[in-house]
C-alpha cells in the first residue's frame, strides 16, 4: 500500500450502524425514560439512605446497626412484622388458588373478577376505616351479636386480628390476579388428557397443575410478602402500635419523625429491605424443590 493510502482517514460509520453493532435500536432507546425514572426514584434514594445509615449522630459507623440489634424494643419489630406478613401472605396465596381455578371456568369471569379486586382500589386507609366501623366495639358486627344474646363486644380491632384482616382484604386481590393469570395460561388440554387416562381431580392438580404453577406461585408469594411486610397504616389504625403490632416500619417512622434521627431511620429501612430480600430469596430458591422441568405450558 502507498503512503497516501495509509494516511487517508478511515470512513466513520453512521451512529445508527454503530448502535446496531451493540444491539441497540430505536425500540431499545425507549427503555431509557424508564431507567431514568427508576434511577431517580429508587436507585438514588437507596444509595443515599445506605450511606446515611453509616453516619450516626454518635459513635462509629456501625453504631446504628449495633443499637438496633442490641435493643429488644427495636429488633423485636422484625419478628412482629414477620408474624403478620408470613401468615397473611400464605392465606392470600392459598385462598387464591381454588378461587382462581373456579373463576377460570365461569362464563362471567370478568364480572366476578371485578368484584373480587374492588378492595385493591379502596386503599389501606379506607379499608381500615371500614373495619373500624363494622368490627369496632360499637360496630354493626358487635351490635348484631348482642341482638342474638352475646355478652359484651368481641374485640376484633386495635389488636393483631384487626391488622391481619386488613392485610388479607387488601392483599388478596393482588394475589388472586396473579394466580388467575398463571392458571389461565395453562393449556386445558393437559387436564383433559389426564382425565381421559383416569386421573382424579386431586391427582390432576397434584401432578399437572401444581408443578406448572410452582414457578408463578413462588413469584406470587414473593411479591405478596413484600406488600404485606411493608404494613404501616393498618398497624397504626387497626393494631397496637406500642404493643403486639409494632412493626419495623413504625420503628423507622418514629426514628425519623419523632426522634429526628434520619441516620437511624435509614439504618432501620436498610434492615427492613434486606429482611425482605432474604425471605424473597428463600422463596425463589425453594422453587427447585417443587418442580425442575419446564416453567410453564401455555395455550400456544
C-alpha atoms as a PDB file:
ATOM      1  CA  UNK A   1       0.000   0.000   0.000  1.00  0.00           C
ATOM      2  CA  UNK A   2       1.197   3.503  -0.744  1.00  0.00           C
ATOM      3  CA  UNK A   3       1.869   6.121   1.911  1.00  0.00           C
ATOM      4  CA  UNK A   4      -1.071   8.135   0.572  1.00  0.00           C
ATOM      5  CA  UNK A   5      -3.457   5.237   1.175  1.00  0.00           C
ATOM      6  CA  UNK A   6      -2.170   4.725   4.690  1.00  0.00           C
ATOM      7  CA  UNK A   7      -2.584   8.383   5.610  1.00  0.00           C
ATOM      8  CA  UNK A   8      -6.119   8.572   4.210  1.00  0.00           C
ATOM      9  CA  UNK A   9      -8.665   8.792   7.110  1.00  0.00           C
ATOM     10  CA  UNK A  10     -10.999   5.827   7.563  1.00  0.00           C
ATOM     11  CA  UNK A  11     -14.690   6.399   6.914  1.00  0.00           C
ATOM     12  CA  UNK A  12     -16.655   6.807  10.175  1.00  0.00           C
ATOM     13  CA  UNK A  13     -19.694   4.530  10.453  1.00  0.00           C
ATOM     14  CA  UNK A  14     -23.086   6.196  10.947  1.00  0.00           C
ATOM     15  CA  UNK A  15     -24.346   6.384  14.531  1.00  0.00           C
ATOM     16  CA  UNK A  16     -27.250   4.035  13.775  1.00  0.00           C
ATOM     17  CA  UNK A  17     -24.868   1.413  12.427  1.00  0.00           C
ATOM     18  CA  UNK A  18     -22.560   1.690  15.449  1.00  0.00           C
ATOM     19  CA  UNK A  19     -25.512   1.328  17.841  1.00  0.00           C
ATOM     20  CA  UNK A  20     -26.764  -1.685  15.883  1.00  0.00           C
ATOM     21  CA  UNK A  21     -23.431  -3.406  16.473  1.00  0.00           C
ATOM     22  CA  UNK A  22     -24.248  -3.293  20.211  1.00  0.00           C
ATOM     23  CA  UNK A  23     -27.855  -4.473  19.541  1.00  0.00           C
ATOM     24  CA  UNK A  24     -29.233  -1.026  20.347  1.00  0.00           C
ATOM     25  CA  UNK A  25     -32.018   0.272  18.135  1.00  0.00           C
ATOM     26  CA  UNK A  26     -34.843   2.797  18.391  1.00  0.00           C
ATOM     27  CA  UNK A  27     -37.063   0.437  20.352  1.00  0.00           C
ATOM     28  CA  UNK A  28     -34.303  -0.212  22.879  1.00  0.00           C
ATOM     29  CA  UNK A  29     -33.861   3.514  23.429  1.00  0.00           C
ATOM     30  CA  UNK A  30     -37.479   3.707  24.585  1.00  0.00           C
ATOM     31  CA  UNK A  31     -36.332   1.979  27.780  1.00  0.00           C
ATOM     32  CA  UNK A  32     -34.177   4.966  28.742  1.00  0.00           C
ATOM     33  CA  UNK A  33     -37.040   7.016  30.303  1.00  0.00           C
ATOM     34  CA  UNK A  34     -37.969   4.024  32.486  1.00  0.00           C
ATOM     35  CA  UNK A  35     -34.318   3.565  33.516  1.00  0.00           C
ATOM     36  CA  UNK A  36     -34.022   7.239  34.435  1.00  0.00           C
ATOM     37  CA  UNK A  37     -37.297   7.061  36.374  1.00  0.00           C
ATOM     38  CA  UNK A  38     -36.144   4.025  38.383  1.00  0.00           C
ATOM     39  CA  UNK A  39     -32.739   5.589  38.981  1.00  0.00           C
ATOM     40  CA  UNK A  40     -34.274   8.829  40.247  1.00  0.00           C
ATOM     41  CA  UNK A  41     -36.951   7.298  42.476  1.00  0.00           C
ATOM     42  CA  UNK A  42     -35.278   4.089  43.664  1.00  0.00           C
ATOM     43  CA  UNK A  43     -31.554   3.739  42.987  1.00  0.00           C
ATOM     44  CA  UNK A  44     -30.503   7.193  44.182  1.00  0.00           C
ATOM     45  CA  UNK A  45     -32.671   7.171  47.371  1.00  0.00           C
ATOM     46  CA  UNK A  46     -31.431   3.669  48.184  1.00  0.00           C
ATOM     47  CA  UNK A  47     -27.770   4.612  47.789  1.00  0.00           C
ATOM     48  CA  UNK A  48     -28.291   7.840  49.738  1.00  0.00           C
ATOM     49  CA  UNK A  49     -30.107   6.036  52.560  1.00  0.00           C
ATOM     50  CA  UNK A  50     -27.500   3.271  52.641  1.00  0.00           C
ATOM     51  CA  UNK A  51     -24.667   5.790  53.031  1.00  0.00           C
ATOM     52  CA  UNK A  52     -26.651   7.843  55.563  1.00  0.00           C
ATOM     53  CA  UNK A  53     -27.208   4.749  57.722  1.00  0.00           C
ATOM     54  CA  UNK A  54     -23.438   4.625  58.369  1.00  0.00           C
ATOM     55  CA  UNK A  55     -23.345   8.246  59.557  1.00  0.00           C
ATOM     56  CA  UNK A  56     -24.834   8.082  63.080  1.00  0.00           C
ATOM     57  CA  UNK A  57     -25.240  11.034  65.391  1.00  0.00           C
ATOM     58  CA  UNK A  58     -22.809   9.477  67.845  1.00  0.00           C
ATOM     59  CA  UNK A  59     -20.400   6.566  67.765  1.00  0.00           C
ATOM     60  CA  UNK A  60     -18.614   4.752  64.979  1.00  0.00           C
ATOM     61  CA  UNK A  61     -20.014   3.950  61.560  1.00  0.00           C
ATOM     62  CA  UNK A  62     -21.785   0.781  62.801  1.00  0.00           C
ATOM     63  CA  UNK A  63     -23.410   2.469  65.797  1.00  0.00           C
ATOM     64  CA  UNK A  64     -26.925   2.483  64.298  1.00  0.00           C
ATOM     65  CA  UNK A  65     -26.896  -1.211  63.455  1.00  0.00           C
ATOM     66  CA  UNK A  66     -25.316  -2.087  66.804  1.00  0.00           C
ATOM     67  CA  UNK A  67     -28.029  -0.107  68.593  1.00  0.00           C
ATOM     68  CA  UNK A  68     -30.803  -1.797  66.615  1.00  0.00           C
ATOM     69  CA  UNK A  69     -29.663  -5.363  67.251  1.00  0.00           C
ATOM     70  CA  UNK A  70     -28.855  -4.698  70.921  1.00  0.00           C
ATOM     71  CA  UNK A  71     -32.196  -3.071  71.784  1.00  0.00           C
ATOM     72  CA  UNK A  72     -35.099  -5.532  72.174  1.00  0.00           C
ATOM     73  CA  UNK A  73     -37.617  -2.740  71.600  1.00  0.00           C
ATOM     74  CA  UNK A  74     -36.130  -2.347  68.104  1.00  0.00           C
ATOM     75  CA  UNK A  75     -35.034  -5.775  66.900  1.00  0.00           C
ATOM     76  CA  UNK A  76     -38.258  -7.442  68.095  1.00  0.00           C
ATOM     77  CA  UNK A  77     -40.095  -5.439  65.432  1.00  0.00           C
ATOM     78  CA  UNK A  78     -38.683  -7.830  62.815  1.00  0.00           C
ATOM     79  CA  UNK A  79     -40.389 -10.806  64.462  1.00  0.00           C
ATOM     80  CA  UNK A  80     -43.609  -8.808  64.918  1.00  0.00           C
ATOM     81  CA  UNK A  81     -43.621  -7.883  61.224  1.00  0.00           C
ATOM     82  CA  UNK A  82     -42.896 -11.444  60.097  1.00  0.00           C
ATOM     83  CA  UNK A  83     -45.637 -12.730  62.416  1.00  0.00           C
ATOM     84  CA  UNK A  84     -48.067 -10.574  60.432  1.00  0.00           C
ATOM     85  CA  UNK A  85     -46.602 -10.778  56.935  1.00  0.00           C
ATOM     86  CA  UNK A  86     -45.955 -14.523  56.631  1.00  0.00           C
ATOM     87  CA  UNK A  87     -49.433 -15.789  57.673  1.00  0.00           C
ATOM     88  CA  UNK A  88     -51.188 -13.076  55.645  1.00  0.00           C
ATOM     89  CA  UNK A  89     -49.123 -13.950  52.565  1.00  0.00           C
ATOM     90  CA  UNK A  90     -49.795 -17.685  52.880  1.00  0.00           C
ATOM     91  CA  UNK A  91     -53.522 -17.139  53.462  1.00  0.00           C
ATOM     92  CA  UNK A  92     -53.889 -14.812  50.471  1.00  0.00           C
ATOM     93  CA  UNK A  93     -51.995 -17.065  48.053  1.00  0.00           C
ATOM     94  CA  UNK A  94     -53.528 -20.351  49.242  1.00  0.00           C
ATOM     95  CA  UNK A  95     -57.089 -18.994  49.129  1.00  0.00           C
ATOM     96  CA  UNK A  96     -56.481 -17.507  45.686  1.00  0.00           C
ATOM     97  CA  UNK A  97     -55.702 -20.930  44.157  1.00  0.00           C
ATOM     98  CA  UNK A  98     -59.127 -22.638  44.483  1.00  0.00           C
ATOM     99  CA  UNK A  99     -60.970 -19.382  43.766  1.00  0.00           C
ATOM    100  CA  UNK A 100     -58.923 -18.746  40.623  1.00  0.00           C
ATOM    101  CA  UNK A 101     -59.449 -22.336  39.467  1.00  0.00           C
ATOM    102  CA  UNK A 102     -63.204 -21.903  39.872  1.00  0.00           C
ATOM    103  CA  UNK A 103     -63.322 -18.460  38.269  1.00  0.00           C
ATOM    104  CA  UNK A 104     -61.441 -19.525  35.141  1.00  0.00           C
ATOM    105  CA  UNK A 105     -64.225 -21.982  34.268  1.00  0.00           C
ATOM    106  CA  UNK A 106     -67.036 -19.460  34.663  1.00  0.00           C
ATOM    107  CA  UNK A 107     -68.686 -17.699  31.755  1.00  0.00           C
ATOM    108  CA  UNK A 108     -68.989 -14.342  33.522  1.00  0.00           C
ATOM    109  CA  UNK A 109     -65.402 -14.398  34.677  1.00  0.00           C
ATOM    110  CA  UNK A 110     -64.818 -10.690  34.131  1.00  0.00           C
ATOM    111  CA  UNK A 111     -67.719  -9.637  36.346  1.00  0.00           C
ATOM    112  CA  UNK A 112     -66.652 -11.836  39.257  1.00  0.00           C
ATOM    113  CA  UNK A 113     -63.021 -10.833  38.847  1.00  0.00           C
ATOM    114  CA  UNK A 114     -64.008  -7.180  39.026  1.00  0.00           C
ATOM    115  CA  UNK A 115     -65.955  -7.789  42.234  1.00  0.00           C
ATOM    116  CA  UNK A 116     -63.042  -9.651  43.829  1.00  0.00           C
ATOM    117  CA  UNK A 117     -60.479  -6.957  43.039  1.00  0.00           C
ATOM    118  CA  UNK A 118     -62.566  -3.995  44.257  1.00  0.00           C
ATOM    119  CA  UNK A 119     -60.770  -3.883  47.666  1.00  0.00           C
ATOM    120  CA  UNK A 120     -57.469  -3.127  45.946  1.00  0.00           C
ATOM    121  CA  UNK A 121     -58.975   0.105  44.602  1.00  0.00           C
ATOM    122  CA  UNK A 122     -60.084   1.322  48.026  1.00  0.00           C
ATOM    123  CA  UNK A 123     -56.691   1.713  49.636  1.00  0.00           C
ATOM    124  CA  UNK A 124     -55.416   0.590  53.016  1.00  0.00           C
ATOM    125  CA  UNK A 125     -56.723   3.599  54.945  1.00  0.00           C
ATOM    126  CA  UNK A 126     -60.262   3.270  53.633  1.00  0.00           C
ATOM    127  CA  UNK A 127     -60.263  -0.470  54.375  1.00  0.00           C
ATOM    128  CA  UNK A 128     -59.099   0.282  57.913  1.00  0.00           C
ATOM    129  CA  UNK A 129     -61.864   2.837  58.396  1.00  0.00           C
ATOM    130  CA  UNK A 130     -64.416   0.330  57.137  1.00  0.00           C
ATOM    131  CA  UNK A 131     -63.197  -2.350  59.518  1.00  0.00           C
ATOM    132  CA  UNK A 132     -63.360   0.092  62.422  1.00  0.00           C
ATOM    133  CA  UNK A 133     -66.982   0.875  61.583  1.00  0.00           C
ATOM    134  CA  UNK A 134     -68.018  -2.751  61.086  1.00  0.00           C
ATOM    135  CA  UNK A 135     -65.904  -4.565  63.679  1.00  0.00           C
ATOM    136  CA  UNK A 136     -65.392  -1.892  66.332  1.00  0.00           C
ATOM    137  CA  UNK A 137     -66.930  -2.135  69.840  1.00  0.00           C
ATOM    138  CA  UNK A 138     -69.982  -0.225  68.613  1.00  0.00           C
ATOM    139  CA  UNK A 139     -69.842  -1.555  65.060  1.00  0.00           C
ATOM    140  CA  UNK A 140     -72.509  -3.433  63.184  1.00  0.00           C
ATOM    141  CA  UNK A 141     -70.941  -6.850  63.828  1.00  0.00           C
ATOM    142  CA  UNK A 142     -70.898  -6.496  67.622  1.00  0.00           C
ATOM    143  CA  UNK A 143     -74.367  -4.963  67.651  1.00  0.00           C
ATOM    144  CA  UNK A 144     -75.666  -7.954  65.701  1.00  0.00           C
ATOM    145  CA  UNK A 145     -74.011 -10.329  68.183  1.00  0.00           C
ATOM    146  CA  UNK A 146     -75.631  -8.539  71.099  1.00  0.00           C
ATOM    147  CA  UNK A 147     -79.025  -8.851  69.416  1.00  0.00           C
ATOM    148  CA  UNK A 148     -78.524 -12.630  69.426  1.00  0.00           C
ATOM    149  CA  UNK A 149     -77.726 -12.627  73.151  1.00  0.00           C
ATOM    150  CA  UNK A 150     -73.914 -12.497  73.220  1.00  0.00           C
ATOM    151  CA  UNK A 151     -72.490 -10.747  76.276  1.00  0.00           C
ATOM    152  CA  UNK A 152     -70.159  -7.872  75.588  1.00  0.00           C
ATOM    153  CA  UNK A 153     -68.453  -6.877  72.318  1.00  0.00           C
ATOM    154  CA  UNK A 154     -65.880  -9.108  70.648  1.00  0.00           C
ATOM    155  CA  UNK A 155     -62.574  -7.302  70.299  1.00  0.00           C
ATOM    156  CA  UNK A 156     -61.568  -7.525  66.639  1.00  0.00           C
ATOM    157  CA  UNK A 157     -59.726  -4.223  66.166  1.00  0.00           C
ATOM    158  CA  UNK A 158     -56.798  -2.460  67.819  1.00  0.00           C
ATOM    159  CA  UNK A 159     -55.040  -5.809  68.066  1.00  0.00           C
ATOM    160  CA  UNK A 160     -53.367  -8.483  65.931  1.00  0.00           C
ATOM    161  CA  UNK A 161     -56.691  -9.691  64.479  1.00  0.00           C
ATOM    162  CA  UNK A 162     -57.628  -6.299  63.064  1.00  0.00           C
ATOM    163  CA  UNK A 163     -54.301  -5.865  61.276  1.00  0.00           C
ATOM    164  CA  UNK A 164     -54.437  -9.404  59.894  1.00  0.00           C
ATOM    165  CA  UNK A 165     -57.944  -8.881  58.496  1.00  0.00           C
ATOM    166  CA  UNK A 166     -56.837  -5.670  56.837  1.00  0.00           C
ATOM    167  CA  UNK A 167     -53.806  -7.352  55.245  1.00  0.00           C
ATOM    168  CA  UNK A 168     -55.996 -10.137  53.891  1.00  0.00           C
ATOM    169  CA  UNK A 169     -58.603  -7.771  52.458  1.00  0.00           C
ATOM    170  CA  UNK A 170     -56.034  -5.506  50.830  1.00  0.00           C
ATOM    171  CA  UNK A 171     -53.629  -8.234  49.712  1.00  0.00           C
ATOM    172  CA  UNK A 172     -55.984 -10.911  48.411  1.00  0.00           C
ATOM    173  CA  UNK A 173     -56.980  -9.108  45.159  1.00  0.00           C
ATOM    174  CA  UNK A 174     -53.318  -8.760  44.208  1.00  0.00           C
ATOM    175  CA  UNK A 175     -52.572 -12.425  44.897  1.00  0.00           C
ATOM    176  CA  UNK A 176     -55.772 -13.512  43.154  1.00  0.00           C
ATOM    177  CA  UNK A 177     -54.996 -11.618  39.943  1.00  0.00           C
ATOM    178  CA  UNK A 178     -51.506 -13.112  39.755  1.00  0.00           C
ATOM    179  CA  UNK A 179     -52.753 -16.648  40.432  1.00  0.00           C
ATOM    180  CA  UNK A 180     -55.563 -16.271  37.888  1.00  0.00           C
ATOM    181  CA  UNK A 181     -53.120 -15.131  35.212  1.00  0.00           C
ATOM    182  CA  UNK A 182     -50.893 -18.171  35.824  1.00  0.00           C
ATOM    183  CA  UNK A 183     -53.789 -20.657  35.885  1.00  0.00           C
ATOM    184  CA  UNK A 184     -55.433 -19.319  32.734  1.00  0.00           C
ATOM    185  CA  UNK A 185     -52.078 -19.679  30.975  1.00  0.00           C
ATOM    186  CA  UNK A 186     -52.063 -23.459  31.442  1.00  0.00           C
ATOM    187  CA  UNK A 187     -53.384 -25.403  28.476  1.00  0.00           C
ATOM    188  CA  UNK A 188     -56.701 -27.091  29.480  1.00  0.00           C
ATOM    189  CA  UNK A 189     -55.928 -29.991  27.140  1.00  0.00           C
ATOM    190  CA  UNK A 190     -53.333 -31.223  29.640  1.00  0.00           C
ATOM    191  CA  UNK A 191     -56.020 -31.779  32.255  1.00  0.00           C
ATOM    192  CA  UNK A 192     -58.374 -33.279  29.666  1.00  0.00           C
ATOM    193  CA  UNK A 193     -55.744 -35.751  28.570  1.00  0.00           C
ATOM    194  CA  UNK A 194     -55.072 -36.775  32.173  1.00  0.00           C
ATOM    195  CA  UNK A 195     -58.814 -37.113  32.770  1.00  0.00           C
ATOM    196  CA  UNK A 196     -59.240 -39.452  29.824  1.00  0.00           C
ATOM    197  CA  UNK A 197     -56.465 -41.600  31.274  1.00  0.00           C
ATOM    198  CA  UNK A 198     -58.401 -41.928  34.534  1.00  0.00           C
ATOM    199  CA  UNK A 199     -56.687 -39.291  36.696  1.00  0.00           C
ATOM    200  CA  UNK A 200     -58.860 -37.971  39.513  1.00  0.00           C
ATOM    201  CA  UNK A 201     -59.187 -34.185  40.152  1.00  0.00           C
ATOM    202  CA  UNK A 202     -56.799 -34.348  43.091  1.00  0.00           C
ATOM    203  CA  UNK A 203     -54.213 -36.236  41.046  1.00  0.00           C
ATOM    204  CA  UNK A 204     -54.565 -33.793  38.156  1.00  0.00           C
ATOM    205  CA  UNK A 205     -53.978 -30.877  40.469  1.00  0.00           C
ATOM    206  CA  UNK A 206     -51.004 -32.506  42.183  1.00  0.00           C
ATOM    207  CA  UNK A 207     -49.189 -33.847  39.130  1.00  0.00           C
ATOM    208  CA  UNK A 208     -50.169 -31.325  36.420  1.00  0.00           C
ATOM    209  CA  UNK A 209     -51.407 -28.002  37.734  1.00  0.00           C
ATOM    210  CA  UNK A 210     -49.241 -27.656  40.818  1.00  0.00           C
ATOM    211  CA  UNK A 211     -45.885 -28.294  39.093  1.00  0.00           C
ATOM    212  CA  UNK A 212     -46.777 -25.811  36.350  1.00  0.00           C
ATOM    213  CA  UNK A 213     -47.977 -23.282  38.914  1.00  0.00           C
ATOM    214  CA  UNK A 214     -44.934 -23.620  41.171  1.00  0.00           C
ATOM    215  CA  UNK A 215     -42.852 -21.008  39.365  1.00  0.00           C
ATOM    216  CA  UNK A 216     -45.684 -18.483  39.280  1.00  0.00           C
ATOM    217  CA  UNK A 217     -46.765 -19.137  42.861  1.00  0.00           C
ATOM    218  CA  UNK A 218     -43.211 -18.528  44.070  1.00  0.00           C
ATOM    219  CA  UNK A 219     -43.234 -15.114  42.414  1.00  0.00           C
ATOM    220  CA  UNK A 220     -46.721 -14.512  43.791  1.00  0.00           C
ATOM    221  CA  UNK A 221     -45.546 -15.390  47.308  1.00  0.00           C
ATOM    222  CA  UNK A 222     -42.539 -13.106  46.994  1.00  0.00           C
ATOM    223  CA  UNK A 223     -44.496 -10.084  45.752  1.00  0.00           C
ATOM    224  CA  UNK A 224     -47.321 -10.619  48.234  1.00  0.00           C
ATOM    225  CA  UNK A 225     -44.813 -10.910  51.069  1.00  0.00           C
ATOM    226  CA  UNK A 226     -43.139  -7.629  50.134  1.00  0.00           C
ATOM    227  CA  UNK A 227     -46.557  -5.972  50.062  1.00  0.00           C
ATOM    228  CA  UNK A 228     -47.576  -7.234  53.495  1.00  0.00           C
ATOM    229  CA  UNK A 229     -44.156  -6.779  55.104  1.00  0.00           C
ATOM    230  CA  UNK A 230     -44.317  -3.029  54.496  1.00  0.00           C
ATOM    231  CA  UNK A 231     -47.506  -2.734  56.564  1.00  0.00           C
ATOM    232  CA  UNK A 232     -47.852   0.656  58.218  1.00  0.00           C
ATOM    233  CA  UNK A 233     -51.337   2.258  58.056  1.00  0.00           C
ATOM    234  CA  UNK A 234     -53.083  -0.954  59.136  1.00  0.00           C
ATOM    235  CA  UNK A 235     -50.716  -1.441  62.085  1.00  0.00           C
ATOM    236  CA  UNK A 236     -51.386   2.117  63.255  1.00  0.00           C
ATOM    237  CA  UNK A 237     -55.146   2.351  62.652  1.00  0.00           C
ATOM    238  CA  UNK A 238     -56.205  -1.209  63.464  1.00  0.00           C
ATOM    239  CA  UNK A 239     -53.424  -2.531  65.662  1.00  0.00           C
ATOM    240  CA  UNK A 240     -51.499  -1.671  68.798  1.00  0.00           C
ATOM    241  CA  UNK A 241     -48.544   0.480  67.625  1.00  0.00           C
ATOM    242  CA  UNK A 242     -46.884   0.271  71.022  1.00  0.00           C
ATOM    243  CA  UNK A 243     -47.608  -3.405  71.559  1.00  0.00           C
ATOM    244  CA  UNK A 244     -48.040  -6.583  69.545  1.00  0.00           C
ATOM    245  CA  UNK A 245     -48.300  -4.867  66.161  1.00  0.00           C
ATOM    246  CA  UNK A 246     -45.342  -2.531  66.492  1.00  0.00           C
ATOM    247  CA  UNK A 247     -43.850  -3.401  63.124  1.00  0.00           C
ATOM    248  CA  UNK A 248     -40.485  -2.338  61.774  1.00  0.00           C
ATOM    249  CA  UNK A 249     -41.966   0.407  59.594  1.00  0.00           C
ATOM    250  CA  UNK A 250     -43.328   2.081  62.741  1.00  0.00           C
ATOM    251  CA  UNK A 251     -39.848   1.951  64.281  1.00  0.00           C
ATOM    252  CA  UNK A 252     -38.408   3.665  61.198  1.00  0.00           C
ATOM    253  CA  UNK A 253     -41.150   6.310  61.282  1.00  0.00           C
ATOM    254  CA  UNK A 254     -40.575   7.061  64.965  1.00  0.00           C
ATOM    255  CA  UNK A 255     -36.828   7.348  64.451  1.00  0.00           C
ATOM    256  CA  UNK A 256     -37.279   9.799  61.571  1.00  0.00           C
ATOM    257  CA  UNK A 257     -40.218  11.958  62.625  1.00  0.00           C
ATOM    258  CA  UNK A 258     -40.342  11.662  66.416  1.00  0.00           C
ATOM    259  CA  UNK A 259     -36.651  11.418  67.299  1.00  0.00           C
ATOM    260  CA  UNK A 260     -35.451  13.278  64.160  1.00  0.00           C
ATOM    261  CA  UNK A 261     -32.662  10.741  63.745  1.00  0.00           C
ATOM    262  CA  UNK A 262     -32.669  10.246  59.993  1.00  0.00           C
ATOM    263  CA  UNK A 263     -29.476   8.208  60.102  1.00  0.00           C
ATOM    264  CA  UNK A 264     -31.080   5.669  62.453  1.00  0.00           C
ATOM    265  CA  UNK A 265     -34.250   5.675  60.366  1.00  0.00           C
ATOM    266  CA  UNK A 266     -32.171   4.906  57.269  1.00  0.00           C
ATOM    267  CA  UNK A 267     -30.491   2.026  59.076  1.00  0.00           C
ATOM    268  CA  UNK A 268     -33.866   0.573  60.065  1.00  0.00           C
ATOM    269  CA  UNK A 269     -35.076   0.975  56.473  1.00  0.00           C
ATOM    270  CA  UNK A 270     -31.981  -0.871  55.216  1.00  0.00           C
ATOM    271  CA  UNK A 271     -32.587  -3.698  57.696  1.00  0.00           C
ATOM    272  CA  UNK A 272     -36.203  -3.825  56.570  1.00  0.00           C
ATOM    273  CA  UNK A 273     -35.185  -4.020  52.922  1.00  0.00           C
ATOM    274  CA  UNK A 274     -32.566  -6.722  53.427  1.00  0.00           C
ATOM    275  CA  UNK A 275     -35.020  -8.750  55.541  1.00  0.00           C
ATOM    276  CA  UNK A 276     -37.493  -8.721  52.673  1.00  0.00           C
ATOM    277  CA  UNK A 277     -34.755  -9.597  50.200  1.00  0.00           C
ATOM    278  CA  UNK A 278     -33.675 -12.556  52.343  1.00  0.00           C
ATOM    279  CA  UNK A 279     -37.184 -14.014  52.551  1.00  0.00           C
ATOM    280  CA  UNK A 280     -37.857 -13.480  48.834  1.00  0.00           C
ATOM    281  CA  UNK A 281     -34.548 -15.168  48.033  1.00  0.00           C
ATOM    282  CA  UNK A 282     -35.512 -18.175  50.153  1.00  0.00           C
ATOM    283  CA  UNK A 283     -38.877 -18.403  48.413  1.00  0.00           C
ATOM    284  CA  UNK A 284     -37.358 -18.285  44.943  1.00  0.00           C
ATOM    285  CA  UNK A 285     -34.676 -20.788  45.924  1.00  0.00           C
ATOM    286  CA  UNK A 286     -37.315 -23.230  47.168  1.00  0.00           C
ATOM    287  CA  UNK A 287     -38.884 -23.470  43.706  1.00  0.00           C
ATOM    288  CA  UNK A 288     -36.421 -26.146  42.606  1.00  0.00           C
ATOM    289  CA  UNK A 289     -37.657 -28.487  45.334  1.00  0.00           C
ATOM    290  CA  UNK A 290     -41.162 -28.439  43.823  1.00  0.00           C
ATOM    291  CA  UNK A 291     -40.527 -28.712  40.094  1.00  0.00           C
ATOM    292  CA  UNK A 292     -37.424 -28.646  37.892  1.00  0.00           C
ATOM    293  CA  UNK A 293     -38.974 -29.061  34.455  1.00  0.00           C
ATOM    294  CA  UNK A 294     -40.429 -26.545  32.056  1.00  0.00           C
ATOM    295  CA  UNK A 295     -41.579 -23.291  33.635  1.00  0.00           C
ATOM    296  CA  UNK A 296     -44.998 -23.362  32.013  1.00  0.00           C
ATOM    297  CA  UNK A 297     -47.317 -24.875  29.456  1.00  0.00           C
ATOM    298  CA  UNK A 298     -49.219 -22.138  27.732  1.00  0.00           C
ATOM    299  CA  UNK A 299     -52.137 -22.357  25.416  1.00  0.00           C
ATOM    300  CA  UNK A 300     -49.890 -21.977  22.451  1.00  0.00           C
END
